[in-house]
């Protein structure tokens, strides 16, 4: 079975150090801000490349990159 990145849909190796797995749970807030821990944490069967997650975090989407590449070739 081939597992694909949820963002770029390229193959991904779940055991790779640069692979992230989506989790869900309940966040316990700290007084100083941020989260202290995730309670009742559950892993979901969704994986992504660390670079794809980082791009999303900064508002960059895969399809945006391809648009600009096409424009620069003209």
N, C-alpha and C. Protein backbone atom coordinates (compact mmCIF):
# COMPACT_ATOMS: atom_id res chain seq x y z
N UNK A 1 0.84 -1.19 0.00
CA UNK A 1 0.00 0.00 0.00
C UNK A 1 0.89 1.26 0.00
N UNK A 2 0.61 2.16 -0.90
CA UNK A 2 1.36 3.41 -0.99
C UNK A 2 0.61 4.49 -0.22
N UNK A 3 1.31 5.16 0.67
CA UNK A 3 0.73 6.24 1.46
C UNK A 3 1.16 7.56 0.84
N UNK A 4 0.20 8.47 0.69
CA UNK A 4 0.48 9.76 0.07
C UNK A 4 0.37 10.90 1.07
N UNK A 5 1.16 11.93 0.85
CA UNK A 5 1.10 13.15 1.65
C UNK A 5 -0.27 13.80 1.41
N UNK A 6 -0.94 14.23 2.49
CA UNK A 6 -2.27 14.83 2.35
C UNK A 6 -2.24 16.17 1.62
N UNK A 7 -1.08 16.81 1.53
CA UNK A 7 -1.00 18.11 0.87
C UNK A 7 -0.53 18.02 -0.58
N UNK A 8 0.58 17.35 -0.83
CA UNK A 8 1.13 17.31 -2.20
C UNK A 8 0.76 16.03 -2.94
N UNK A 9 0.22 15.05 -2.24
CA UNK A 9 -0.19 13.76 -2.80
C UNK A 9 0.95 12.97 -3.42
N UNK A 10 2.17 13.24 -2.95
CA UNK A 10 3.34 12.46 -3.36
C UNK A 10 3.54 11.33 -2.35
N UNK A 11 4.16 10.22 -2.75
CA UNK A 11 4.40 9.12 -1.81
C UNK A 11 5.19 9.59 -0.59
N UNK A 12 4.90 8.94 0.54
CA UNK A 12 5.53 9.30 1.80
C UNK A 12 5.85 8.05 2.59
N UNK A 13 6.93 8.09 3.35
CA UNK A 13 7.33 6.96 4.20
C UNK A 13 6.97 7.32 5.64
N UNK A 14 5.97 6.67 6.23
CA UNK A 14 5.51 7.03 7.58
C UNK A 14 6.61 6.99 8.64
N UNK A 15 7.59 6.13 8.51
CA UNK A 15 8.64 6.00 9.52
C UNK A 15 9.78 7.00 9.36
N UNK A 16 9.76 7.79 8.29
CA UNK A 16 10.81 8.77 8.05
C UNK A 16 10.75 9.89 9.09
N UNK A 17 11.90 10.41 9.49
CA UNK A 17 11.96 11.48 10.50
C UNK A 17 11.35 12.77 10.00
N UNK A 18 11.27 12.96 8.69
CA UNK A 18 10.69 14.18 8.11
C UNK A 18 9.21 14.02 7.78
N UNK A 19 8.59 12.95 8.29
CA UNK A 19 7.17 12.72 8.08
C UNK A 19 6.41 13.06 9.34
N UNK A 20 5.32 13.79 9.19
CA UNK A 20 4.48 14.14 10.32
C UNK A 20 3.16 13.40 10.21
N UNK A 21 2.60 13.02 11.37
CA UNK A 21 1.32 12.33 11.41
C UNK A 21 0.31 13.20 12.14
N UNK A 22 -0.87 13.28 11.60
CA UNK A 22 -1.91 14.11 12.20
C UNK A 22 -2.43 13.46 13.48
N UNK A 23 -2.66 14.29 14.50
CA UNK A 23 -3.18 13.80 15.78
C UNK A 23 -4.39 14.65 16.17
N UNK A 24 -5.20 14.12 17.06
CA UNK A 24 -6.33 14.85 17.63
C UNK A 24 -6.35 14.58 19.13
N UNK A 25 -6.97 15.46 19.85
CA UNK A 25 -7.05 15.30 21.29
C UNK A 25 -7.53 16.57 21.95
N UNK A 26 -7.33 16.65 23.25
CA UNK A 26 -7.76 17.79 24.04
C UNK A 26 -6.54 18.50 24.59
N UNK A 27 -6.46 19.79 24.31
CA UNK A 27 -5.30 20.58 24.67
C UNK A 27 -5.50 21.22 26.05
N UNK A 28 -4.49 21.10 26.90
CA UNK A 28 -4.52 21.73 28.22
C UNK A 28 -3.66 22.99 28.14
N UNK A 29 -4.29 24.15 28.32
CA UNK A 29 -3.59 25.43 28.22
C UNK A 29 -2.74 25.69 29.45
N UNK A 30 -1.59 26.34 29.22
CA UNK A 30 -0.72 26.77 30.32
C UNK A 30 -1.05 28.21 30.68
N UNK A 31 -0.76 28.58 31.89
CA UNK A 31 -1.00 29.97 32.31
C UNK A 31 -0.15 30.93 31.49
N UNK A 32 1.05 30.52 31.11
CA UNK A 32 1.95 31.38 30.33
C UNK A 32 1.57 31.42 28.85
N UNK A 33 0.58 30.67 28.46
CA UNK A 33 0.18 30.58 27.07
C UNK A 33 0.70 29.30 26.44
N UNK A 34 0.16 28.95 25.34
CA UNK A 34 0.56 27.71 24.67
C UNK A 34 -0.11 26.50 25.29
N UNK A 35 0.29 25.34 24.87
CA UNK A 35 -0.31 24.10 25.35
C UNK A 35 0.68 23.34 26.22
N UNK A 36 0.19 22.76 27.27
CA UNK A 36 1.02 21.97 28.16
C UNK A 36 1.08 20.51 27.70
N UNK A 37 -0.05 20.01 27.26
CA UNK A 37 -0.09 18.62 26.81
C UNK A 37 -1.37 18.38 26.02
N UNK A 38 -1.41 17.28 25.29
CA UNK A 38 -2.62 16.86 24.60
C UNK A 38 -3.14 15.63 25.34
N UNK A 39 -4.35 15.74 25.85
CA UNK A 39 -4.98 14.67 26.63
C UNK A 39 -5.84 13.83 25.69
N UNK A 40 -5.87 12.53 25.93
CA UNK A 40 -6.60 11.57 25.09
C UNK A 40 -6.17 11.71 23.63
N UNK A 41 -4.89 11.78 23.44
CA UNK A 41 -4.28 11.94 22.12
C UNK A 41 -4.55 10.72 21.26
N UNK A 42 -4.98 10.95 20.04
CA UNK A 42 -5.22 9.87 19.07
C UNK A 42 -4.49 10.20 17.78
N UNK A 43 -3.78 9.24 17.23
CA UNK A 43 -3.15 9.45 15.93
C UNK A 43 -4.15 9.11 14.84
N UNK A 44 -4.11 9.87 13.78
CA UNK A 44 -5.00 9.64 12.64
C UNK A 44 -4.17 9.09 11.48
N UNK A 45 -4.81 8.38 10.57
CA UNK A 45 -4.07 7.80 9.44
C UNK A 45 -3.81 8.81 8.33
N UNK A 46 -3.30 9.99 8.70
CA UNK A 46 -2.98 11.02 7.73
C UNK A 46 -1.53 11.44 7.95
N UNK A 47 -0.77 11.50 6.86
CA UNK A 47 0.65 11.82 6.93
C UNK A 47 0.98 12.97 5.98
N UNK A 48 2.04 13.72 6.32
CA UNK A 48 2.47 14.82 5.47
C UNK A 48 3.97 15.00 5.59
N UNK A 49 4.58 15.51 4.52
CA UNK A 49 6.00 15.86 4.56
C UNK A 49 6.14 17.09 5.47
N UNK A 50 7.21 17.14 6.23
CA UNK A 50 7.45 18.29 7.11
C UNK A 50 7.49 19.59 6.31
N UNK A 51 8.07 19.56 5.12
CA UNK A 51 8.15 20.75 4.28
C UNK A 51 6.75 21.21 3.84
N UNK A 52 5.87 20.26 3.51
CA UNK A 52 4.51 20.61 3.11
C UNK A 52 3.76 21.27 4.27
N UNK A 53 3.94 20.75 5.48
CA UNK A 53 3.30 21.33 6.66
C UNK A 53 3.86 22.73 6.91
N UNK A 54 5.17 22.87 6.79
CA UNK A 54 5.81 24.17 7.01
C UNK A 54 5.30 25.20 5.98
N UNK A 55 5.16 24.78 4.73
CA UNK A 55 4.62 25.67 3.70
C UNK A 55 3.21 26.12 4.06
N UNK A 56 2.37 25.18 4.46
CA UNK A 56 0.99 25.51 4.86
C UNK A 56 0.97 26.47 6.04
N UNK A 57 1.86 26.24 6.98
CA UNK A 57 1.94 27.10 8.16
C UNK A 57 2.23 28.54 7.74
N UNK A 58 2.97 28.72 6.66
CA UNK A 58 3.33 30.04 6.17
C UNK A 58 2.40 30.53 5.05
N UNK A 59 1.30 29.81 4.84
CA UNK A 59 0.30 30.23 3.85
C UNK A 59 0.63 29.90 2.42
N UNK A 60 1.58 29.00 2.20
CA UNK A 60 1.97 28.61 0.84
C UNK A 60 1.32 27.26 0.53
N UNK A 61 0.65 27.18 -0.61
CA UNK A 61 0.02 25.94 -1.03
C UNK A 61 0.73 25.40 -2.27
N UNK A 62 0.74 24.09 -2.42
CA UNK A 62 1.44 23.45 -3.54
C UNK A 62 1.00 24.02 -4.88
N UNK A 63 -0.31 24.21 -5.08
CA UNK A 63 -0.78 24.70 -6.37
C UNK A 63 -0.35 26.13 -6.65
N UNK A 64 -0.06 26.91 -5.60
CA UNK A 64 0.46 28.26 -5.82
C UNK A 64 1.84 28.21 -6.45
N UNK A 65 2.68 27.32 -6.00
CA UNK A 65 4.02 27.20 -6.54
C UNK A 65 4.02 26.87 -8.01
N UNK A 66 3.15 25.96 -8.43
CA UNK A 66 3.11 25.58 -9.84
C UNK A 66 2.63 26.74 -10.71
N UNK A 67 1.74 27.57 -10.19
CA UNK A 67 1.25 28.73 -10.93
C UNK A 67 2.40 29.68 -11.24
N UNK A 68 3.21 29.98 -10.25
CA UNK A 68 4.31 30.92 -10.45
C UNK A 68 5.38 30.34 -11.36
N UNK A 69 5.60 29.05 -11.31
CA UNK A 69 6.58 28.43 -12.20
C UNK A 69 6.13 28.57 -13.65
N UNK A 70 4.82 28.36 -13.90
CA UNK A 70 4.30 28.49 -15.26
C UNK A 70 4.47 29.91 -15.76
N UNK A 71 4.18 30.90 -14.90
CA UNK A 71 4.27 32.29 -15.27
C UNK A 71 5.71 32.68 -15.62
N UNK A 72 6.68 32.15 -14.88
CA UNK A 72 8.08 32.54 -15.11
C UNK A 72 8.64 31.92 -16.38
N UNK A 73 8.00 30.90 -16.93
CA UNK A 73 8.50 30.27 -18.16
C UNK A 73 8.04 31.01 -19.40
N UNK A 74 7.18 31.97 -19.26
CA UNK A 74 6.66 32.68 -20.45
C UNK A 74 7.56 33.77 -20.90
